[in-house]
């Protein structure tokens, strides 16, 4: 049985981090439009809040990939579940990802998009786990580095549960599943 543990990033801190990321994207885009590609399902909350703060003209599309199933560790087996509906050729693409752990999912996404001839591809990740071997993942915009723990909330889930929490919490073994205070 799993339960919510401590709050890792509270709502206010999330909001401040996203405002900072929006300012960085706006600075780099310098008024040029960008296509935000949200990685479903976890990035939806982050993508919406980021897009609302941007002055950069943006369009939105989504990719869905799977590497977890219902476990708490990535299988390392990345498969495309839903493809883009937008032609990315000649566009500045910003991949919006909820969390980067091994980096394999992002590598696969970059590989897929690279064959479609975008003008540029950048990565905006809300979270990156501090684990050996992922410090070379090319993240252009990073919200928060975190320790190597399984987190839920603000779009991140465990077997589709906990996505709607307005903060990010650690998921821990042995408990009754009651929410921790925010």
N, C-alpha and C. Protein backbone atom coordinates (compact mmCIF):
# COMPACT_ATOMS: atom_id res chain seq x y z
N UNK A 1 0.84 -1.18 0.00
CA UNK A 1 0.00 0.00 0.00
C UNK A 1 0.88 1.24 0.00
N UNK A 2 0.47 2.26 -0.73
CA UNK A 2 1.24 3.51 -0.80
C UNK A 2 0.44 4.63 -0.17
N UNK A 3 1.14 5.63 0.37
CA UNK A 3 0.46 6.78 0.96
C UNK A 3 1.22 8.05 0.61
N UNK A 4 0.52 9.17 0.72
CA UNK A 4 1.18 10.45 0.53
C UNK A 4 2.08 10.73 1.71
N UNK A 5 3.28 11.15 1.40
CA UNK A 5 4.22 11.55 2.43
C UNK A 5 4.30 13.07 2.49
N UNK A 6 5.47 13.54 2.75
CA UNK A 6 5.69 14.97 2.92
C UNK A 6 5.47 15.75 1.63
N UNK A 7 5.11 17.01 1.78
CA UNK A 7 5.01 17.91 0.64
C UNK A 7 6.42 18.28 0.23
N UNK A 8 6.74 18.06 -1.03
CA UNK A 8 8.08 18.36 -1.53
C UNK A 8 8.13 19.78 -2.09
N UNK A 9 7.10 20.18 -2.85
CA UNK A 9 7.04 21.53 -3.41
C UNK A 9 5.61 22.03 -3.23
N UNK A 10 5.44 23.10 -2.45
CA UNK A 10 4.10 23.60 -2.18
C UNK A 10 3.59 24.45 -3.35
N UNK A 11 2.32 24.80 -3.29
CA UNK A 11 1.66 25.51 -4.38
C UNK A 11 2.32 26.85 -4.68
N UNK A 12 2.65 27.59 -3.67
CA UNK A 12 3.27 28.91 -3.87
C UNK A 12 4.64 28.78 -4.56
N UNK A 13 5.42 27.81 -4.14
CA UNK A 13 6.74 27.60 -4.74
C UNK A 13 6.60 27.16 -6.19
N UNK A 14 5.63 26.30 -6.48
CA UNK A 14 5.36 25.91 -7.86
C UNK A 14 5.04 27.14 -8.71
N UNK A 15 4.16 27.98 -8.21
CA UNK A 15 3.75 29.18 -8.94
C UNK A 15 4.95 30.10 -9.23
N UNK A 16 5.79 30.29 -8.25
CA UNK A 16 6.98 31.14 -8.43
C UNK A 16 7.94 30.53 -9.46
N UNK A 17 8.12 29.21 -9.41
CA UNK A 17 9.01 28.54 -10.36
C UNK A 17 8.49 28.63 -11.78
N UNK A 18 7.20 28.50 -11.96
CA UNK A 18 6.61 28.57 -13.30
C UNK A 18 6.69 29.99 -13.85
N UNK A 19 6.49 30.98 -13.00
CA UNK A 19 6.65 32.37 -13.43
C UNK A 19 8.09 32.62 -13.90
N UNK A 20 9.05 32.07 -13.18
CA UNK A 20 10.46 32.22 -13.58
C UNK A 20 10.72 31.54 -14.93
N UNK A 21 10.19 30.33 -15.11
CA UNK A 21 10.38 29.63 -16.38
C UNK A 21 9.75 30.39 -17.54
N UNK A 22 8.56 30.96 -17.33
CA UNK A 22 7.90 31.74 -18.39
C UNK A 22 8.75 32.93 -18.78
N UNK A 23 9.34 33.60 -17.80
CA UNK A 23 10.21 34.75 -18.09
C UNK A 23 11.44 34.31 -18.90
N UNK A 24 12.00 33.15 -18.59
CA UNK A 24 13.15 32.64 -19.33
C UNK A 24 12.78 32.32 -20.78
N UNK A 25 11.64 31.66 -20.98
CA UNK A 25 11.18 31.33 -22.33
C UNK A 25 10.92 32.62 -23.12
N UNK A 26 10.23 33.57 -22.50
CA UNK A 26 9.94 34.85 -23.17
C UNK A 26 11.24 35.55 -23.58
N UNK A 27 12.22 35.55 -22.70
CA UNK A 27 13.51 36.19 -23.01
C UNK A 27 14.15 35.52 -24.22
N UNK A 28 14.19 34.19 -24.23
CA UNK A 28 14.86 33.47 -25.31
C UNK A 28 14.09 33.52 -26.63
N UNK A 29 12.79 33.50 -26.57
CA UNK A 29 11.98 33.53 -27.80
C UNK A 29 11.93 34.93 -28.40
N UNK A 30 12.11 35.94 -27.60
CA UNK A 30 12.17 37.34 -28.07
C UNK A 30 11.04 37.66 -29.05
N UNK A 31 9.83 37.21 -28.72
CA UNK A 31 8.67 37.52 -29.54
C UNK A 31 8.38 36.52 -30.65
N UNK A 32 9.31 35.59 -30.91
CA UNK A 32 9.07 34.56 -31.94
C UNK A 32 8.07 33.55 -31.41
N UNK A 33 7.13 33.12 -32.24
CA UNK A 33 6.16 32.13 -31.78
C UNK A 33 6.81 30.78 -31.49
N UNK A 34 6.16 30.01 -30.62
CA UNK A 34 6.66 28.68 -30.27
C UNK A 34 5.49 27.71 -30.21
N UNK A 35 5.80 26.46 -30.52
CA UNK A 35 4.85 25.38 -30.36
C UNK A 35 5.20 24.66 -29.06
N UNK A 36 4.30 24.71 -28.09
CA UNK A 36 4.50 23.98 -26.85
C UNK A 36 3.94 22.57 -27.04
N UNK A 37 4.79 21.58 -26.85
CA UNK A 37 4.37 20.19 -26.98
C UNK A 37 4.34 19.58 -25.58
N UNK A 38 3.13 19.41 -25.07
CA UNK A 38 2.96 18.82 -23.75
C UNK A 38 3.03 17.31 -23.83
N UNK A 39 3.71 16.72 -22.87
CA UNK A 39 3.81 15.27 -22.81
C UNK A 39 2.73 14.78 -21.85
N UNK A 40 1.74 14.10 -22.43
CA UNK A 40 0.57 13.65 -21.66
C UNK A 40 0.93 12.44 -20.81
N UNK A 41 0.27 12.31 -19.70
CA UNK A 41 -0.76 13.15 -19.18
C UNK A 41 -0.20 14.12 -18.14
N UNK A 42 0.97 13.80 -17.63
CA UNK A 42 1.51 14.51 -16.48
C UNK A 42 1.78 15.98 -16.65
N UNK A 43 2.04 16.44 -17.87
CA UNK A 43 2.43 17.84 -18.07
C UNK A 43 1.26 18.80 -18.17
N UNK A 44 0.03 18.32 -18.18
CA UNK A 44 -1.11 19.19 -18.48
C UNK A 44 -1.23 20.38 -17.53
N UNK A 45 -1.14 20.16 -16.23
CA UNK A 45 -1.26 21.26 -15.27
C UNK A 45 -0.14 22.27 -15.51
N UNK A 46 1.08 21.77 -15.63
CA UNK A 46 2.25 22.60 -15.84
C UNK A 46 2.15 23.37 -17.16
N UNK A 47 1.79 22.69 -18.23
CA UNK A 47 1.67 23.32 -19.55
C UNK A 47 0.66 24.47 -19.51
N UNK A 48 -0.48 24.24 -18.92
CA UNK A 48 -1.52 25.28 -18.86
C UNK A 48 -1.03 26.50 -18.07
N UNK A 49 -0.45 26.26 -16.91
CA UNK A 49 0.02 27.38 -16.09
C UNK A 49 1.17 28.12 -16.76
N UNK A 50 2.06 27.39 -17.42
CA UNK A 50 3.16 28.02 -18.14
C UNK A 50 2.63 28.86 -19.30
N UNK A 51 1.76 28.29 -20.11
CA UNK A 51 1.22 28.99 -21.28
C UNK A 51 0.50 30.28 -20.87
N UNK A 52 -0.23 30.25 -19.77
CA UNK A 52 -0.96 31.44 -19.31
C UNK A 52 -0.02 32.57 -18.92
N UNK A 53 1.19 32.25 -18.52
CA UNK A 53 2.14 33.27 -18.09
C UNK A 53 3.02 33.80 -19.23
N UNK A 54 3.03 33.11 -20.35
CA UNK A 54 3.90 33.51 -21.45
C UNK A 54 3.36 34.71 -22.22
N UNK A 55 4.27 35.60 -22.59
CA UNK A 55 3.95 36.68 -23.53
C UNK A 55 4.23 36.22 -24.96
N UNK A 56 5.07 35.22 -25.09
CA UNK A 56 5.41 34.61 -26.38
C UNK A 56 4.14 34.06 -27.02
N UNK A 57 3.92 34.33 -28.32
CA UNK A 57 2.77 33.69 -28.99
C UNK A 57 3.01 32.17 -29.05
N UNK A 58 2.03 31.40 -28.57
CA UNK A 58 2.21 29.95 -28.56
C UNK A 58 1.01 29.24 -29.17
N UNK A 59 1.30 28.06 -29.70
CA UNK A 59 0.27 27.10 -30.04
C UNK A 59 0.59 25.86 -29.22
N UNK A 60 -0.39 24.99 -29.07
CA UNK A 60 -0.24 23.83 -28.21
C UNK A 60 -0.53 22.55 -28.97
N UNK A 61 0.21 21.51 -28.65
CA UNK A 61 -0.10 20.17 -29.13
C UNK A 61 0.42 19.20 -28.08
N UNK A 62 0.10 17.92 -28.27
CA UNK A 62 0.42 16.93 -27.26
C UNK A 62 0.95 15.64 -27.87
N UNK A 63 1.89 15.05 -27.15
CA UNK A 63 2.37 13.69 -27.41
C UNK A 63 2.06 12.89 -26.16
N UNK A 64 1.74 11.64 -26.35
CA UNK A 64 1.60 10.77 -25.19
C UNK A 64 2.50 9.57 -25.38
N UNK A 65 3.35 9.38 -24.38
CA UNK A 65 4.26 8.24 -24.37
C UNK A 65 4.07 7.51 -23.06
N UNK A 66 4.51 6.28 -23.03
CA UNK A 66 4.37 5.50 -21.80
C UNK A 66 5.66 4.78 -21.51
N UNK A 67 6.09 4.86 -20.23
CA UNK A 67 7.26 4.09 -19.80
C UNK A 67 7.08 3.56 -18.38
N UNK A 68 5.97 3.87 -17.73
CA UNK A 68 5.77 3.47 -16.33
C UNK A 68 4.75 2.37 -16.13
N UNK A 69 3.62 2.40 -16.84
CA UNK A 69 2.52 1.51 -16.49
C UNK A 69 2.00 1.93 -15.13
N UNK A 70 1.81 0.99 -14.21
CA UNK A 70 1.30 1.34 -12.89
C UNK A 70 2.38 1.21 -11.82
N UNK A 71 3.64 1.08 -12.22
CA UNK A 71 4.72 0.95 -11.25
C UNK A 71 5.26 2.30 -10.81
N UNK A 72 6.27 2.26 -9.95
CA UNK A 72 6.90 3.49 -9.48
C UNK A 72 8.31 3.66 -10.05
N UNK A 73 8.71 2.77 -10.93
CA UNK A 73 10.00 2.88 -11.63
C UNK A 73 9.74 2.79 -13.12
N UNK A 74 10.46 3.60 -13.89
CA UNK A 74 10.34 3.56 -15.34
C UNK A 74 10.81 2.20 -15.84
N UNK A 75 10.06 1.66 -16.79
CA UNK A 75 10.44 0.37 -17.38
C UNK A 75 11.61 0.53 -18.33
N UNK A 76 11.85 1.78 -18.78
CA UNK A 76 12.88 2.02 -19.78
C UNK A 76 12.40 1.72 -21.18
N UNK A 77 11.21 1.18 -21.28
CA UNK A 77 10.60 0.83 -22.56
C UNK A 77 9.64 1.95 -22.95
N UNK A 78 10.03 2.82 -23.85
CA UNK A 78 9.24 3.99 -24.21
C UNK A 78 8.43 3.70 -25.46
N UNK A 79 7.12 3.90 -25.37
CA UNK A 79 6.30 3.70 -26.56
C UNK A 79 5.40 4.91 -26.79
N UNK A 80 5.21 5.25 -28.07
CA UNK A 80 4.37 6.37 -28.46
C UNK A 80 2.91 5.92 -28.44
N UNK A 81 2.10 6.62 -27.64
CA UNK A 81 0.69 6.28 -27.50
C UNK A 81 -0.18 7.22 -28.32
N UNK A 82 0.18 8.53 -28.35
CA UNK A 82 -0.57 9.53 -29.12
C UNK A 82 0.43 10.46 -29.78
N UNK A 83 0.27 10.68 -31.09
CA UNK A 83 1.19 11.52 -31.85
C UNK A 83 0.64 12.94 -31.97
N UNK A 84 1.50 13.85 -32.39
CA UNK A 84 1.11 15.24 -32.64
C UNK A 84 0.13 15.34 -33.80
N UNK A 85 -0.68 16.38 -33.80
CA UNK A 85 -1.53 16.68 -34.95
C UNK A 85 -0.98 17.88 -35.72
N UNK A 86 0.06 18.52 -35.20
CA UNK A 86 0.66 19.70 -35.79
C UNK A 86 1.94 19.33 -36.55
N UNK A 87 2.14 19.94 -37.71
CA UNK A 87 3.39 19.79 -38.45
C UNK A 87 4.43 20.69 -37.78
N UNK A 88 5.52 20.13 -37.32
CA UNK A 88 6.53 20.90 -36.59
C UNK A 88 7.61 21.48 -37.50
N UNK A 89 7.60 21.16 -38.78
CA UNK A 89 8.65 21.62 -39.70
C UNK A 89 8.78 23.14 -39.65
N UNK A 90 10.01 23.59 -39.42
CA UNK A 90 10.32 25.01 -39.41
C UNK A 90 9.88 25.76 -38.17
N UNK A 91 9.39 25.07 -37.15
CA UNK A 91 8.88 25.73 -35.94
C UNK A 91 9.85 25.60 -34.78
N UNK A 92 9.80 26.60 -33.89
CA UNK A 92 10.48 26.50 -32.60
C UNK A 92 9.59 25.65 -31.70
N UNK A 93 10.08 24.48 -31.33
CA UNK A 93 9.30 23.55 -30.51
C UNK A 93 9.88 23.55 -29.10
N UNK A 94 9.00 23.66 -28.13
CA UNK A 94 9.41 23.53 -26.73
C UNK A 94 8.64 22.35 -26.15
N UNK A 95 9.38 21.29 -25.82
CA UNK A 95 8.78 20.11 -25.20
C UNK A 95 8.55 20.45 -23.73
N UNK A 96 7.31 20.29 -23.28
CA UNK A 96 6.96 20.59 -21.89
C UNK A 96 6.73 19.26 -21.18
N UNK A 97 7.62 18.95 -20.26
CA UNK A 97 7.63 17.66 -19.57
C UNK A 97 7.45 17.88 -18.07
N UNK A 98 6.72 16.98 -17.43
CA UNK A 98 6.52 17.11 -15.99
C UNK A 98 7.77 16.75 -15.20
N UNK A 99 8.39 15.62 -15.52
CA UNK A 99 9.53 15.15 -14.74
C UNK A 99 10.50 14.38 -15.62
N UNK A 100 11.77 14.60 -15.35
CA UNK A 100 12.84 13.87 -16.05
C UNK A 100 13.55 13.02 -15.01
N UNK A 101 13.55 11.70 -15.25
CA UNK A 101 14.38 10.86 -14.38
C UNK A 101 15.52 10.29 -15.20
N UNK A 102 15.35 9.18 -15.91
CA UNK A 102 16.47 8.62 -16.67
C UNK A 102 16.80 9.44 -17.91
N UNK A 103 15.81 10.15 -18.47
CA UNK A 103 16.01 10.90 -19.70
C UNK A 103 15.70 10.11 -20.95
N UNK A 104 15.42 8.80 -20.81
CA UNK A 104 15.14 7.97 -21.99
C UNK A 104 13.90 8.42 -22.75
N UNK A 105 12.86 8.81 -22.02
CA UNK A 105 11.64 9.26 -22.68
C UNK A 105 11.92 10.49 -23.52
N UNK A 106 12.64 11.46 -22.95
CA UNK A 106 12.97 12.67 -23.71
C UNK A 106 13.85 12.36 -24.91
N UNK A 107 14.80 11.46 -24.75
CA UNK A 107 15.65 11.08 -25.89
C UNK A 107 14.81 10.53 -27.04
N UNK A 108 13.84 9.71 -26.71
CA UNK A 108 12.97 9.13 -27.73
C UNK A 108 12.12 10.22 -28.39
N UNK A 109 11.59 11.13 -27.61
CA UNK A 109 10.77 12.23 -28.15
C UNK A 109 11.61 13.13 -29.06
N UNK A 110 12.81 13.48 -28.63
CA UNK A 110 13.70 14.31 -29.44
C UNK A 110 14.03 13.60 -30.76
N UNK A 111 14.26 12.30 -30.67
CA UNK A 111 14.54 11.50 -31.87
C UNK A 111 13.34 11.55 -32.83
N UNK A 112 12.15 11.37 -32.31
CA UNK A 112 10.93 11.41 -33.14
C UNK A 112 10.77 12.78 -33.79
N UNK A 113 10.87 13.83 -32.97
CA UNK A 113 10.66 15.19 -33.50
C UNK A 113 11.76 15.61 -34.46
N UNK A 114 12.98 15.16 -34.21
CA UNK A 114 14.10 15.52 -35.07
C UNK A 114 13.92 15.10 -36.51
N UNK A 115 13.21 14.01 -36.74
CA UNK A 115 12.97 13.54 -38.11
C UNK A 115 11.95 14.41 -38.84
N UNK A 116 11.30 15.31 -38.11
CA UNK A 116 10.23 16.14 -38.69
C UNK A 116 10.69 17.57 -38.99
N UNK A 117 11.96 17.84 -38.85
CA UNK A 117 12.61 19.09 -39.27
C UNK A 117 12.10 20.36 -38.60
N UNK A 118 12.02 20.37 -37.26
CA UNK A 118 11.68 21.63 -36.60
C UNK A 118 12.84 22.61 -36.72
N UNK A 119 12.54 23.90 -36.57
CA UNK A 119 13.59 24.91 -36.58
C UNK A 119 14.50 24.70 -35.36
N UNK A 120 13.88 24.46 -34.21
CA UNK A 120 14.63 24.19 -32.98
C UNK A 120 13.77 23.34 -32.05
N UNK A 121 14.43 22.64 -31.14
CA UNK A 121 13.74 21.88 -30.11
C UNK A 121 14.41 22.19 -28.78
N UNK A 122 13.60 22.67 -27.84
CA UNK A 122 14.09 22.93 -26.49
C UNK A 122 13.22 22.13 -25.52
N UNK A 123 13.76 21.93 -24.33
CA UNK A 123 13.05 21.17 -23.31
C UNK A 123 12.81 22.04 -22.10
N UNK A 124 11.55 22.05 -21.66
CA UNK A 124 11.16 22.73 -20.44
C UNK A 124 10.58 21.67 -19.51
N UNK A 125 11.29 21.39 -18.43
CA UNK A 125 10.86 20.37 -17.48
C UNK A 125 10.57 21.00 -16.13
N UNK A 126 9.46 20.61 -15.54
CA UNK A 126 9.13 21.10 -14.21
C UNK A 126 10.10 20.54 -13.17
N UNK A 127 10.37 19.24 -13.26
CA UNK A 127 11.22 18.56 -12.28
C UNK A 127 12.28 17.72 -12.97
N UNK A 128 13.43 17.60 -12.32
CA UNK A 128 14.45 16.65 -12.75
C UNK A 128 14.99 15.97 -11.51
N UNK A 129 14.91 14.63 -11.52
CA UNK A 129 15.47 13.87 -10.40
C UNK A 129 16.99 13.90 -10.47
N UNK A 130 17.60 14.02 -9.31
CA UNK A 130 19.06 13.94 -9.22
C UNK A 130 19.43 12.46 -9.12
N UNK A 131 19.69 11.87 -10.30
CA UNK A 131 20.13 10.47 -10.31
C UNK A 131 21.34 10.35 -11.22
N UNK A 132 22.21 9.38 -10.95
CA UNK A 132 23.40 9.21 -11.78
C UNK A 132 23.02 8.98 -13.25
N UNK A 133 23.71 9.69 -14.13
CA UNK A 133 23.53 9.46 -15.56
C UNK A 133 22.53 10.37 -16.24
N UNK A 134 21.77 11.19 -15.50
CA UNK A 134 20.81 12.04 -16.19
C UNK A 134 21.21 13.51 -16.19
N UNK A 135 22.40 13.82 -15.69
CA UNK A 135 22.82 15.22 -15.65
C UNK A 135 23.22 15.74 -17.03
N UNK A 136 23.28 14.86 -18.04
CA UNK A 136 23.59 15.32 -19.39
C UNK A 136 22.33 15.44 -20.26
N UNK A 137 21.15 15.26 -19.66
CA UNK A 137 19.90 15.45 -20.40
C UNK A 137 19.81 16.94 -20.73
N UNK A 138 19.59 17.29 -22.01
CA UNK A 138 19.67 18.70 -22.44
C UNK A 138 18.42 19.52 -22.08
N UNK A 139 18.24 19.81 -20.78
CA UNK A 139 17.09 20.59 -20.34
C UNK A 139 17.44 22.08 -20.45
N UNK A 140 16.66 22.80 -21.24
CA UNK A 140 16.90 24.22 -21.43
C UNK A 140 16.27 25.06 -20.32
N UNK A 141 15.13 24.61 -19.82
CA UNK A 141 14.40 25.34 -18.77
C UNK A 141 13.99 24.33 -17.71
N UNK A 142 14.52 24.48 -16.50
CA UNK A 142 14.23 23.55 -15.42
C UNK A 142 13.61 24.28 -14.25
N UNK A 143 12.46 23.76 -13.82
CA UNK A 143 11.78 24.33 -12.66
C UNK A 143 12.51 24.01 -11.37
N UNK A 144 12.65 22.70 -11.07
CA UNK A 144 13.20 22.29 -9.79
C UNK A 144 13.96 20.97 -9.91
N UNK A 145 15.19 20.92 -9.41
CA UNK A 145 15.84 19.62 -9.24
C UNK A 145 15.27 18.99 -7.96
N UNK A 146 15.06 17.67 -7.98
CA UNK A 146 14.55 16.99 -6.78
C UNK A 146 15.37 15.75 -6.52
N UNK A 147 15.25 15.25 -5.30
CA UNK A 147 15.92 14.00 -4.95
C UNK A 147 15.24 12.85 -5.68
N UNK A 148 15.85 11.69 -5.64
CA UNK A 148 15.34 10.50 -6.33
C UNK A 148 14.25 9.84 -5.49
N UNK A 149 13.05 10.44 -5.53
CA UNK A 149 11.88 9.89 -4.85
C UNK A 149 10.72 9.88 -5.84
N UNK A 150 9.72 9.04 -5.58
CA UNK A 150 8.55 9.00 -6.45
C UNK A 150 7.59 10.07 -5.98
N UNK A 151 7.23 10.99 -6.90
CA UNK A 151 6.38 12.11 -6.52
C UNK A 151 5.06 12.10 -7.27
N UNK A 152 4.06 12.68 -6.64
CA UNK A 152 2.73 12.79 -7.22
C UNK A 152 2.20 14.20 -6.97
N UNK A 153 1.14 14.53 -7.71
CA UNK A 153 0.50 15.83 -7.56
C UNK A 153 0.86 16.74 -8.71
N UNK A 154 0.04 17.76 -8.91
CA UNK A 154 0.25 18.74 -9.97
C UNK A 154 0.46 18.06 -11.33
N UNK A 155 -0.37 17.05 -11.59
CA UNK A 155 -0.31 16.32 -12.85
C UNK A 155 0.39 14.98 -12.77
N UNK A 156 1.29 14.83 -11.83
CA UNK A 156 2.01 13.56 -11.68
C UNK A 156 1.14 12.58 -10.91
N UNK A 157 1.20 11.31 -11.31
CA UNK A 157 0.29 10.33 -10.72
C UNK A 157 0.99 9.04 -10.32
N UNK A 158 0.23 8.22 -9.62
CA UNK A 158 0.56 6.82 -9.44
C UNK A 158 -0.70 6.05 -9.80
N UNK A 159 -0.64 5.29 -10.90
CA UNK A 159 -1.80 4.53 -11.39
C UNK A 159 -3.03 5.44 -11.49
N UNK A 160 -2.83 6.64 -12.04
CA UNK A 160 -3.86 7.65 -12.30
C UNK A 160 -4.39 8.35 -11.05
N UNK A 161 -3.86 8.06 -9.88
CA UNK A 161 -4.29 8.73 -8.64
C UNK A 161 -3.36 9.89 -8.31
N UNK A 162 -3.88 10.85 -7.60
CA UNK A 162 -3.15 11.99 -7.03
C UNK A 162 -2.82 13.12 -8.00
N UNK A 163 -3.19 13.01 -9.29
CA UNK A 163 -2.87 14.06 -10.27
C UNK A 163 -3.38 15.44 -9.85
N UNK A 164 -4.55 15.47 -9.22
CA UNK A 164 -5.23 16.74 -8.96
C UNK A 164 -4.73 17.48 -7.72
N UNK A 165 -3.74 16.98 -7.04
CA UNK A 165 -3.20 17.72 -5.90
C UNK A 165 -2.57 19.03 -6.40
N UNK A 166 -2.78 20.14 -5.70
CA UNK A 166 -2.22 21.42 -6.15
C UNK A 166 -0.76 21.63 -5.74
N UNK A 167 -0.13 20.61 -5.22
CA UNK A 167 1.26 20.64 -4.78
C UNK A 167 1.90 19.31 -5.17
N UNK A 168 3.20 19.17 -4.94
CA UNK A 168 3.91 17.93 -5.25
C UNK A 168 4.33 17.28 -3.93
N UNK A 169 3.96 16.01 -3.78
CA UNK A 169 4.27 15.27 -2.56
C UNK A 169 5.02 13.99 -2.91
N UNK A 170 5.70 13.48 -1.90
CA UNK A 170 6.40 12.20 -2.03
C UNK A 170 5.41 11.08 -1.77
N UNK A 171 5.44 10.05 -2.59
CA UNK A 171 4.61 8.87 -2.39
C UNK A 171 5.46 7.83 -1.65
N UNK A 172 4.92 7.36 -0.53
CA UNK A 172 5.70 6.46 0.32
C UNK A 172 4.97 5.14 0.53
N UNK A 173 5.71 4.06 0.79
CA UNK A 173 5.08 2.76 1.05
C UNK A 173 4.44 2.72 2.43
N UNK A 174 3.55 1.76 2.62
CA UNK A 174 2.95 1.44 3.92
C UNK A 174 2.11 2.57 4.51
N UNK A 175 0.88 2.59 4.11
CA UNK A 175 -0.03 3.56 4.69
C UNK A 175 -1.43 3.33 4.19
N UNK A 176 -2.32 4.16 4.62
CA UNK A 176 -3.73 4.00 4.25
C UNK A 176 -4.15 4.87 3.08
N UNK A 177 -3.21 5.66 2.51
CA UNK A 177 -3.54 6.48 1.35
C UNK A 177 -4.15 7.81 1.67
N UNK A 178 -4.23 8.17 2.95
CA UNK A 178 -4.80 9.47 3.32
C UNK A 178 -3.87 10.58 2.91
N UNK A 179 -4.42 11.70 2.44
CA UNK A 179 -3.58 12.81 2.02
C UNK A 179 -2.80 13.44 3.17
N UNK A 180 -1.61 13.87 2.88
CA UNK A 180 -0.83 14.63 3.86
C UNK A 180 -1.27 16.08 3.77
N UNK A 181 -1.15 16.84 4.83
CA UNK A 181 -1.53 18.25 4.75
C UNK A 181 -0.60 19.01 3.80
N UNK A 182 -1.16 20.00 3.11
CA UNK A 182 -0.37 20.79 2.16
C UNK A 182 0.41 21.86 2.86
